[in-house]
């Protein structure tokens, strides 16, 4: 994990109620990143989408919310990747 990603774990931040489920689900997927071994380091390539349905079920997310929540997770994934792959 990069230094900035590690530091971000210690920061409190505001989450709007409308985004709470997405943030909780994203955190529940914290160990479900796909990684590729490069010449010098690991590269985060994205979330393991196969794990998302399992988390939805375990967290009892209503099926009617899955599509919108998946969209939110993809947005968060897109923003997280550059931070996770940042080299210090």
N, C-alpha and C. Protein backbone atom coordinates (compact mmCIF):
# COMPACT_ATOMS: atom_id res chain seq x y z
N UNK A 1 0.85 -1.17 0.00
CA UNK A 1 0.00 0.00 0.00
C UNK A 1 0.89 1.23 0.00
N UNK A 2 0.50 2.22 -0.73
CA UNK A 2 1.29 3.44 -0.80
C UNK A 2 1.20 4.21 0.51
N UNK A 3 2.13 5.15 0.68
CA UNK A 3 2.15 5.95 1.91
C UNK A 3 0.88 6.78 2.05
N UNK A 4 0.41 7.37 0.95
CA UNK A 4 -0.80 8.19 1.05
C UNK A 4 -2.03 7.34 1.34
N UNK A 5 -2.09 6.12 0.80
CA UNK A 5 -3.23 5.25 1.09
C UNK A 5 -3.20 4.82 2.55
N UNK A 6 -2.03 4.52 3.08
CA UNK A 6 -1.91 4.14 4.48
C UNK A 6 -2.29 5.31 5.38
N UNK A 7 -1.86 6.50 5.05
CA UNK A 7 -2.18 7.68 5.85
C UNK A 7 -3.67 7.97 5.82
N UNK A 8 -4.32 7.70 4.72
CA UNK A 8 -5.75 7.97 4.59
C UNK A 8 -6.57 7.11 5.55
N UNK A 9 -6.05 5.99 5.99
CA UNK A 9 -6.77 5.14 6.93
C UNK A 9 -6.96 5.81 8.28
N UNK A 10 -6.17 6.80 8.61
CA UNK A 10 -6.22 7.46 9.90
C UNK A 10 -6.99 8.77 9.88
N UNK A 11 -7.70 9.05 8.80
CA UNK A 11 -8.37 10.34 8.64
C UNK A 11 -9.88 10.14 8.77
N UNK A 12 -10.50 10.97 9.59
CA UNK A 12 -11.96 10.97 9.67
C UNK A 12 -12.50 11.79 8.51
N UNK A 13 -13.66 11.41 8.01
CA UNK A 13 -14.27 12.16 6.93
C UNK A 13 -15.78 12.05 7.00
N UNK A 14 -16.43 13.04 6.45
CA UNK A 14 -17.89 13.09 6.43
C UNK A 14 -18.41 12.21 5.30
N UNK A 15 -19.45 11.44 5.60
CA UNK A 15 -20.13 10.65 4.58
C UNK A 15 -21.60 11.04 4.62
N UNK A 16 -22.09 11.53 3.51
CA UNK A 16 -23.52 11.85 3.43
C UNK A 16 -24.34 10.57 3.52
N UNK A 17 -25.50 10.67 4.13
CA UNK A 17 -26.34 9.50 4.36
C UNK A 17 -26.63 8.74 3.07
N UNK A 18 -26.82 9.45 1.96
CA UNK A 18 -27.10 8.81 0.67
C UNK A 18 -25.95 7.94 0.20
N UNK A 19 -24.75 8.20 0.69
CA UNK A 19 -23.57 7.46 0.25
C UNK A 19 -23.11 6.42 1.27
N UNK A 20 -23.79 6.34 2.41
CA UNK A 20 -23.32 5.48 3.49
C UNK A 20 -23.22 4.02 3.06
N UNK A 21 -24.23 3.51 2.39
CA UNK A 21 -24.21 2.09 1.98
C UNK A 21 -23.04 1.81 1.03
N UNK A 22 -22.78 2.72 0.11
CA UNK A 22 -21.67 2.53 -0.82
C UNK A 22 -20.33 2.52 -0.08
N UNK A 23 -20.16 3.43 0.87
CA UNK A 23 -18.91 3.48 1.62
C UNK A 23 -18.73 2.22 2.45
N UNK A 24 -19.78 1.77 3.13
CA UNK A 24 -19.69 0.55 3.93
C UNK A 24 -19.38 -0.67 3.07
N UNK A 25 -20.02 -0.75 1.91
CA UNK A 25 -19.78 -1.88 1.00
C UNK A 25 -18.36 -1.82 0.45
N UNK A 26 -17.89 -0.63 0.07
CA UNK A 26 -16.52 -0.47 -0.42
C UNK A 26 -15.52 -0.91 0.64
N UNK A 27 -15.76 -0.53 1.88
CA UNK A 27 -14.87 -0.95 2.98
C UNK A 27 -14.91 -2.46 3.18
N UNK A 28 -16.09 -3.06 3.03
CA UNK A 28 -16.22 -4.51 3.17
C UNK A 28 -15.46 -5.26 2.08
N UNK A 29 -15.21 -4.58 0.96
CA UNK A 29 -14.47 -5.17 -0.16
C UNK A 29 -12.97 -4.88 -0.08
N UNK A 30 -12.51 -4.36 1.04
CA UNK A 30 -11.12 -3.91 1.16
C UNK A 30 -10.09 -4.99 0.85
N UNK A 31 -10.42 -6.25 1.07
CA UNK A 31 -9.47 -7.33 0.79
C UNK A 31 -9.72 -7.98 -0.56
N UNK A 32 -10.57 -7.39 -1.37
CA UNK A 32 -10.97 -8.01 -2.63
C UNK A 32 -10.44 -7.29 -3.86
N UNK A 33 -9.24 -6.75 -3.75
CA UNK A 33 -8.60 -6.08 -4.89
C UNK A 33 -7.81 -7.08 -5.70
N UNK A 34 -7.90 -6.96 -7.04
CA UNK A 34 -7.06 -7.76 -7.92
C UNK A 34 -5.73 -7.04 -8.07
N UNK A 35 -4.65 -7.80 -7.94
CA UNK A 35 -3.30 -7.27 -8.02
C UNK A 35 -2.53 -8.01 -9.10
N UNK A 36 -1.60 -7.30 -9.73
CA UNK A 36 -0.70 -7.89 -10.72
C UNK A 36 0.72 -7.59 -10.25
N UNK A 37 1.55 -8.62 -10.27
CA UNK A 37 2.95 -8.43 -9.87
C UNK A 37 3.72 -7.83 -11.04
N UNK A 38 4.31 -6.66 -10.78
CA UNK A 38 5.14 -6.01 -11.79
C UNK A 38 6.61 -6.28 -11.49
N UNK A 39 7.48 -5.66 -12.27
CA UNK A 39 8.92 -5.86 -12.09
C UNK A 39 9.40 -5.40 -10.73
N UNK A 40 8.85 -4.29 -10.23
CA UNK A 40 9.35 -3.75 -8.97
C UNK A 40 8.30 -3.73 -7.86
N UNK A 41 7.03 -3.90 -8.19
CA UNK A 41 5.99 -3.71 -7.18
C UNK A 41 4.71 -4.39 -7.62
N UNK A 42 3.71 -4.30 -6.78
CA UNK A 42 2.39 -4.79 -7.13
C UNK A 42 1.57 -3.66 -7.73
N UNK A 43 0.69 -3.99 -8.67
CA UNK A 43 -0.18 -3.01 -9.30
C UNK A 43 -1.63 -3.40 -9.02
N UNK A 44 -2.36 -2.48 -8.43
CA UNK A 44 -3.79 -2.69 -8.22
C UNK A 44 -4.50 -2.47 -9.55
N UNK A 45 -5.31 -3.44 -9.98
CA UNK A 45 -6.00 -3.31 -11.26
C UNK A 45 -7.51 -3.12 -11.10
N UNK A 46 -8.05 -3.40 -9.95
CA UNK A 46 -9.47 -3.18 -9.71
C UNK A 46 -10.02 -4.16 -8.70
N UNK A 47 -11.27 -3.94 -8.35
CA UNK A 47 -11.95 -4.84 -7.43
C UNK A 47 -12.28 -6.16 -8.11
N UNK A 48 -12.35 -7.21 -7.32
CA UNK A 48 -12.79 -8.50 -7.82
C UNK A 48 -14.32 -8.46 -7.88
N UNK A 49 -14.85 -8.24 -9.05
CA UNK A 49 -16.30 -8.08 -9.19
C UNK A 49 -17.07 -9.32 -8.76
N UNK A 50 -16.43 -10.48 -8.81
CA UNK A 50 -17.08 -11.70 -8.36
C UNK A 50 -17.40 -11.69 -6.87
N UNK A 51 -16.68 -10.91 -6.10
CA UNK A 51 -16.90 -10.83 -4.65
C UNK A 51 -18.01 -9.87 -4.28
N UNK A 52 -18.39 -9.00 -5.19
CA UNK A 52 -19.36 -7.95 -4.85
C UNK A 52 -20.73 -8.53 -4.51
N UNK A 53 -21.21 -9.49 -5.29
CA UNK A 53 -22.53 -10.06 -4.99
C UNK A 53 -22.53 -10.73 -3.62
N UNK A 54 -21.45 -11.41 -3.27
CA UNK A 54 -21.35 -12.05 -1.96
C UNK A 54 -21.47 -11.02 -0.84
N UNK A 55 -20.79 -9.88 -1.00
CA UNK A 55 -20.87 -8.82 0.01
C UNK A 55 -22.28 -8.24 0.05
N UNK A 56 -22.89 -8.04 -1.10
CA UNK A 56 -24.27 -7.55 -1.13
C UNK A 56 -25.17 -8.48 -0.31
N UNK A 57 -25.01 -9.78 -0.53
CA UNK A 57 -25.85 -10.75 0.17
C UNK A 57 -25.55 -10.78 1.67
N UNK A 58 -24.29 -10.80 2.03
CA UNK A 58 -23.91 -10.85 3.44
C UNK A 58 -24.35 -9.60 4.20
N UNK A 59 -24.29 -8.46 3.52
CA UNK A 59 -24.70 -7.20 4.14
C UNK A 59 -26.19 -6.94 3.97
N UNK A 60 -26.91 -7.89 3.39
CA UNK A 60 -28.36 -7.84 3.21
C UNK A 60 -28.81 -6.57 2.46
N UNK A 61 -28.06 -6.26 1.39
CA UNK A 61 -28.44 -5.13 0.54
C UNK A 61 -29.64 -5.58 -0.31
N UNK A 62 -30.72 -4.81 -0.30
CA UNK A 62 -31.88 -5.19 -1.12
C UNK A 62 -31.48 -5.30 -2.60
N UNK A 63 -31.94 -6.34 -3.25
CA UNK A 63 -31.59 -6.58 -4.65
C UNK A 63 -31.95 -5.39 -5.53
N UNK A 64 -32.99 -4.67 -5.18
CA UNK A 64 -33.39 -3.49 -5.96
C UNK A 64 -32.32 -2.40 -5.94
N UNK A 65 -31.41 -2.43 -4.96
CA UNK A 65 -30.37 -1.41 -4.83
C UNK A 65 -29.04 -1.82 -5.48
N UNK A 66 -28.93 -3.05 -5.92
CA UNK A 66 -27.65 -3.57 -6.40
C UNK A 66 -27.08 -2.77 -7.57
N UNK A 67 -27.90 -2.47 -8.56
CA UNK A 67 -27.41 -1.79 -9.77
C UNK A 67 -26.81 -0.42 -9.43
N UNK A 68 -27.53 0.37 -8.66
CA UNK A 68 -27.05 1.70 -8.30
C UNK A 68 -25.82 1.60 -7.41
N UNK A 69 -25.81 0.66 -6.48
CA UNK A 69 -24.67 0.49 -5.58
C UNK A 69 -23.44 0.02 -6.36
N UNK A 70 -23.63 -0.86 -7.33
CA UNK A 70 -22.51 -1.30 -8.17
C UNK A 70 -21.91 -0.11 -8.92
N UNK A 71 -22.77 0.76 -9.43
CA UNK A 71 -22.30 1.97 -10.12
C UNK A 71 -21.47 2.83 -9.16
N UNK A 72 -21.96 3.01 -7.94
CA UNK A 72 -21.22 3.80 -6.95
C UNK A 72 -19.87 3.16 -6.63
N UNK A 73 -19.84 1.84 -6.51
CA UNK A 73 -18.58 1.14 -6.22
C UNK A 73 -17.57 1.32 -7.35
N UNK A 74 -18.06 1.29 -8.58
CA UNK A 74 -17.15 1.48 -9.71
C UNK A 74 -16.57 2.89 -9.73
N UNK A 75 -17.37 3.88 -9.34
CA UNK A 75 -16.85 5.24 -9.24
C UNK A 75 -15.78 5.34 -8.16
N UNK A 76 -16.04 4.72 -7.02
CA UNK A 76 -15.06 4.74 -5.93
C UNK A 76 -13.79 3.98 -6.32
N UNK A 77 -13.96 2.87 -7.01
CA UNK A 77 -12.81 2.09 -7.49
C UNK A 77 -11.95 2.93 -8.43
N UNK A 78 -12.59 3.64 -9.36
CA UNK A 78 -11.87 4.46 -10.32
C UNK A 78 -11.05 5.55 -9.61
N UNK A 79 -11.60 6.13 -8.55
CA UNK A 79 -10.89 7.16 -7.81
C UNK A 79 -9.80 6.58 -6.91
N UNK A 80 -10.01 5.37 -6.41
CA UNK A 80 -9.05 4.75 -5.49
C UNK A 80 -7.81 4.21 -6.20
N UNK A 81 -7.97 3.74 -7.43
CA UNK A 81 -6.84 3.10 -8.12
C UNK A 81 -5.59 3.97 -8.22
N UNK A 82 -5.69 5.23 -8.63
CA UNK A 82 -4.47 6.05 -8.69
C UNK A 82 -3.80 6.21 -7.32
N UNK A 83 -4.60 6.30 -6.27
CA UNK A 83 -4.04 6.42 -4.93
C UNK A 83 -3.36 5.13 -4.48
N UNK A 84 -3.99 4.02 -4.77
CA UNK A 84 -3.42 2.73 -4.39
C UNK A 84 -2.13 2.43 -5.14
N UNK A 85 -2.05 2.92 -6.38
CA UNK A 85 -0.87 2.65 -7.21
C UNK A 85 0.18 3.75 -7.14
N UNK A 86 -0.05 4.74 -6.31
CA UNK A 86 0.92 5.83 -6.16
C UNK A 86 2.21 5.29 -5.55
N UNK A 87 3.30 5.66 -6.13
CA UNK A 87 4.61 5.23 -5.64
C UNK A 87 5.29 6.41 -4.95
N UNK A 88 5.82 6.15 -3.77
CA UNK A 88 6.50 7.24 -3.07
C UNK A 88 8.00 7.11 -3.18
